[in-house]
Amino acid sequence: MPYAVIAEWPKGGRDTRNYDEITRRMDFDREPPAGLIAHSAGTTADGDFRIHDVWETREAYEAFQVRRLMPMVEEVLSALPPERQAESRPPEVTVYELHHVLVPRAAVAV
């Protein structure tokens, strides 16, 4: 059963330095994680920074999070200056089972 994962940083705004560094190091564009159906990230109208993923299964998401994502996040954040570390708090994460997923055609990553 597919799952949605939403990670949101309230008032994270347009500061994408941490996100950009993590995705660059993980080379997501060339090697997307196993089980990932779709990924998007951006700033909301309220100034929050939100990541929205769709995964084939909850287990695929959890395996990626534990084995790849969290170690890389810790590596990137621990290298930040102390003042930036204080600003880099964990996101609010929501995970839920999807009733229906439609992927109508291949899309080009931007």
C-alpha atoms as a PDB file:
ATOM      1  CA  MET A   1       0.000   0.000   0.000  1.00  0.00           C
ATOM      2  CA  PRO A   2       1.460   3.409  -0.923  1.00  0.00           C
ATOM      3  CA  TYR A   3       2.201   5.988   1.759  1.00  0.00           C
ATOM      4  CA  ALA A   4       2.559   9.756   1.773  1.00  0.00           C
ATOM      5  CA  VAL A   5       5.236  11.412   3.892  1.00  0.00           C
ATOM      6  CA  ILE A   6       5.095  15.139   4.558  1.00  0.00           C
ATOM      7  CA  ALA A   7       7.976  16.845   6.368  1.00  0.00           C
ATOM      8  CA  GLU A   8       7.402  20.493   7.211  1.00  0.00           C
ATOM      9  CA  TRP A   9       9.612  23.139   8.761  1.00  0.00           C
ATOM     10  CA  PRO A  10       7.369  25.976  10.006  1.00  0.00           C
ATOM     11  CA  LYS A  11       8.777  29.271   8.799  1.00  0.00           C
ATOM     12  CA  GLY A  12      11.619  27.392   7.074  1.00  0.00           C
ATOM     13  CA  GLY A  13      11.088  29.721   4.159  1.00  0.00           C
ATOM     14  CA  ARG A  14      13.404  29.975   1.236  1.00  0.00           C
ATOM     15  CA  ASP A  15      16.571  28.940   3.051  1.00  0.00           C
ATOM     16  CA  THR A  16      17.189  25.664   1.239  1.00  0.00           C
ATOM     17  CA  ARG A  17      20.895  25.323   2.034  1.00  0.00           C
ATOM     18  CA  ASN A  18      20.526  22.216   4.237  1.00  0.00           C
ATOM     19  CA  TYR A  19      18.076  20.554   1.838  1.00  0.00           C
ATOM     20  CA  ASP A  20      20.248  21.354  -1.180  1.00  0.00           C
ATOM     21  CA  GLU A  21      23.411  20.005   0.460  1.00  0.00           C
ATOM     22  CA  ILE A  22      21.746  16.774   1.595  1.00  0.00           C
ATOM     23  CA  THR A  23      20.196  16.082  -1.817  1.00  0.00           C
ATOM     24  CA  ARG A  24      23.477  16.936  -3.569  1.00  0.00           C
ATOM     25  CA  ARG A  25      25.452  14.511  -1.411  1.00  0.00           C
ATOM     26  CA  MET A  26      22.882  11.759  -1.795  1.00  0.00           C
ATOM     27  CA  ASP A  27      22.709  12.301  -5.583  1.00  0.00           C
ATOM     28  CA  PHE A  28      18.936  11.828  -5.629  1.00  0.00           C
ATOM     29  CA  ASP A  29      18.552  12.969  -9.209  1.00  0.00           C
ATOM     30  CA  ARG A  30      20.771  10.172 -10.516  1.00  0.00           C
ATOM     31  CA  GLU A  31      19.980   7.536  -7.885  1.00  0.00           C
ATOM     32  CA  PRO A  32      16.527   7.924  -6.347  1.00  0.00           C
ATOM     33  CA  PRO A  33      15.820   5.815  -3.261  1.00  0.00           C
ATOM     34  CA  ALA A  34      14.281   2.377  -3.768  1.00  0.00           C
ATOM     35  CA  GLY A  35      10.519   2.510  -3.338  1.00  0.00           C
ATOM     36  CA  LEU A  36      10.154   6.265  -3.947  1.00  0.00           C
ATOM     37  CA  ILE A  37       7.305   7.064  -6.350  1.00  0.00           C
ATOM     38  CA  ALA A  38       7.382  10.877  -6.230  1.00  0.00           C
ATOM     39  CA  HIS A  39       9.224  13.658  -4.388  1.00  0.00           C
ATOM     40  CA  SER A  40       8.649  17.396  -4.222  1.00  0.00           C
ATOM     41  CA  ALA A  41       9.957  20.222  -2.055  1.00  0.00           C
ATOM     42  CA  GLY A  42       9.215  23.903  -1.813  1.00  0.00           C
ATOM     43  CA  THR A  43       8.085  26.904   0.149  1.00  0.00           C
ATOM     44  CA  THR A  44       4.393  27.300   0.970  1.00  0.00           C
ATOM     45  CA  ALA A  45       2.456  30.559   0.813  1.00  0.00           C
ATOM     46  CA  ASP A  46       2.732  30.738   4.631  1.00  0.00           C
ATOM     47  CA  GLY A  47       6.539  30.640   4.460  1.00  0.00           C
ATOM     48  CA  ASP A  48       6.931  27.020   5.561  1.00  0.00           C
ATOM     49  CA  PHE A  49       9.327  24.650   3.775  1.00  0.00           C
ATOM     50  CA  ARG A  50       7.612  21.376   2.904  1.00  0.00           C
ATOM     51  CA  ILE A  51       8.794  18.073   1.458  1.00  0.00           C
ATOM     52  CA  HIS A  52       6.133  15.727   0.123  1.00  0.00           C
ATOM     53  CA  ASP A  53       6.964  12.156  -0.878  1.00  0.00           C
ATOM     54  CA  VAL A  54       4.942   9.191  -2.085  1.00  0.00           C
ATOM     55  CA  TRP A  55       6.442   5.777  -1.276  1.00  0.00           C
ATOM     56  CA  GLU A  56       5.487   2.286  -2.470  1.00  0.00           C
ATOM     57  CA  THR A  57       5.287   1.102   1.155  1.00  0.00           C
ATOM     58  CA  ARG A  58       5.812   2.454   4.647  1.00  0.00           C
ATOM     59  CA  GLU A  59       8.663  -0.039   5.043  1.00  0.00           C
ATOM     60  CA  ALA A  60      10.477   1.389   2.012  1.00  0.00           C
ATOM     61  CA  TYR A  61      10.256   4.890   3.515  1.00  0.00           C
ATOM     62  CA  GLU A  62      11.382   3.731   6.962  1.00  0.00           C
ATOM     63  CA  ALA A  63      14.338   1.780   5.529  1.00  0.00           C
ATOM     64  CA  PHE A  64      15.452   4.837   3.550  1.00  0.00           C
ATOM     65  CA  GLN A  65      15.022   7.130   6.531  1.00  0.00           C
ATOM     66  CA  VAL A  66      17.038   4.938   8.903  1.00  0.00           C
ATOM     67  CA  ARG A  67      19.784   3.723   6.552  1.00  0.00           C
ATOM     68  CA  ARG A  68      20.398   6.714   4.310  1.00  0.00           C
ATOM     69  CA  LEU A  69      18.552   9.896   5.181  1.00  0.00           C
ATOM     70  CA  MET A  70      19.114  10.345   8.914  1.00  0.00           C
ATOM     71  CA  PRO A  71      22.848   9.540   8.806  1.00  0.00           C
ATOM     72  CA  MET A  72      23.272  12.120   6.021  1.00  0.00           C
ATOM     73  CA  VAL A  73      21.167  14.732   7.839  1.00  0.00           C
ATOM     74  CA  GLU A  74      23.253  14.269  10.984  1.00  0.00           C
ATOM     75  CA  GLU A  75      26.471  14.552   8.963  1.00  0.00           C
ATOM     76  CA  VAL A  76      25.393  17.780   7.245  1.00  0.00           C
ATOM     77  CA  LEU A  77      23.945  19.414  10.356  1.00  0.00           C
ATOM     78  CA  SER A  78      26.911  18.539  12.561  1.00  0.00           C
ATOM     79  CA  ALA A  79      29.220  20.363  10.114  1.00  0.00           C
ATOM     80  CA  LEU A  80      27.231  23.608  10.412  1.00  0.00           C
ATOM     81  CA  PRO A  81      28.422  26.523  12.534  1.00  0.00           C
ATOM     82  CA  PRO A  82      26.806  26.522  16.022  1.00  0.00           C
ATOM     83  CA  GLU A  83      24.365  29.326  15.187  1.00  0.00           C
ATOM     84  CA  ARG A  84      23.058  27.426  12.132  1.00  0.00           C
ATOM     85  CA  GLN A  85      22.828  24.188  14.131  1.00  0.00           C
ATOM     86  CA  ALA A  86      20.538  25.965  16.607  1.00  0.00           C
ATOM     87  CA  GLU A  87      18.279  27.045  13.720  1.00  0.00           C
ATOM     88  CA  SER A  88      18.137  23.539  12.209  1.00  0.00           C
ATOM     89  CA  ARG A  89      15.390  21.856  14.159  1.00  0.00           C
ATOM     90  CA  PRO A  90      13.641  18.620  13.167  1.00  0.00           C
ATOM     91  CA  PRO A  91      10.609  18.928  10.887  1.00  0.00           C
ATOM     92  CA  GLU A  92       7.034  18.067  11.720  1.00  0.00           C
ATOM     93  CA  VAL A  93       6.485  14.734   9.917  1.00  0.00           C
ATOM     94  CA  THR A  94       3.161  13.221   8.908  1.00  0.00           C
ATOM     95  CA  VAL A  95       2.941   9.706   7.425  1.00  0.00           C
ATOM     96  CA  TYR A  96      -0.318   8.260   6.156  1.00  0.00           C
ATOM     97  CA  GLU A  97      -1.606   5.459   3.955  1.00  0.00           C
ATOM     98  CA  LEU A  98      -2.924   6.576   0.593  1.00  0.00           C
ATOM     99  CA  HIS A  99      -6.201   5.402  -0.812  1.00  0.00           C
ATOM    100  CA  HIS A 100      -5.335   6.148  -4.438  1.00  0.00           C
ATOM    101  CA  VAL A 101      -2.223   7.176  -6.385  1.00  0.00           C
ATOM    102  CA  LEU A 102      -2.263   8.205 -10.023  1.00  0.00           C
ATOM    103  CA  VAL A 103       0.891   8.753 -12.065  1.00  0.00           C
ATOM    104  CA  PRO A 104      -0.539   9.741 -15.452  1.00  0.00           C
ATOM    105  CA  ARG A 105       2.699  10.138 -17.399  1.00  0.00           C
ATOM    106  CA  ALA A 106       6.422  10.473 -16.974  1.00  0.00           C
ATOM    107  CA  ALA A 107       7.362  13.835 -15.572  1.00  0.00           C
ATOM    108  CA  VAL A 108      10.568  15.808 -15.922  1.00  0.00           C
ATOM    109  CA  ALA A 109      12.309  16.668 -12.652  1.00  0.00           C
ATOM    110  CA  VAL A 110      12.921  20.352 -12.163  1.00  0.00           C
END
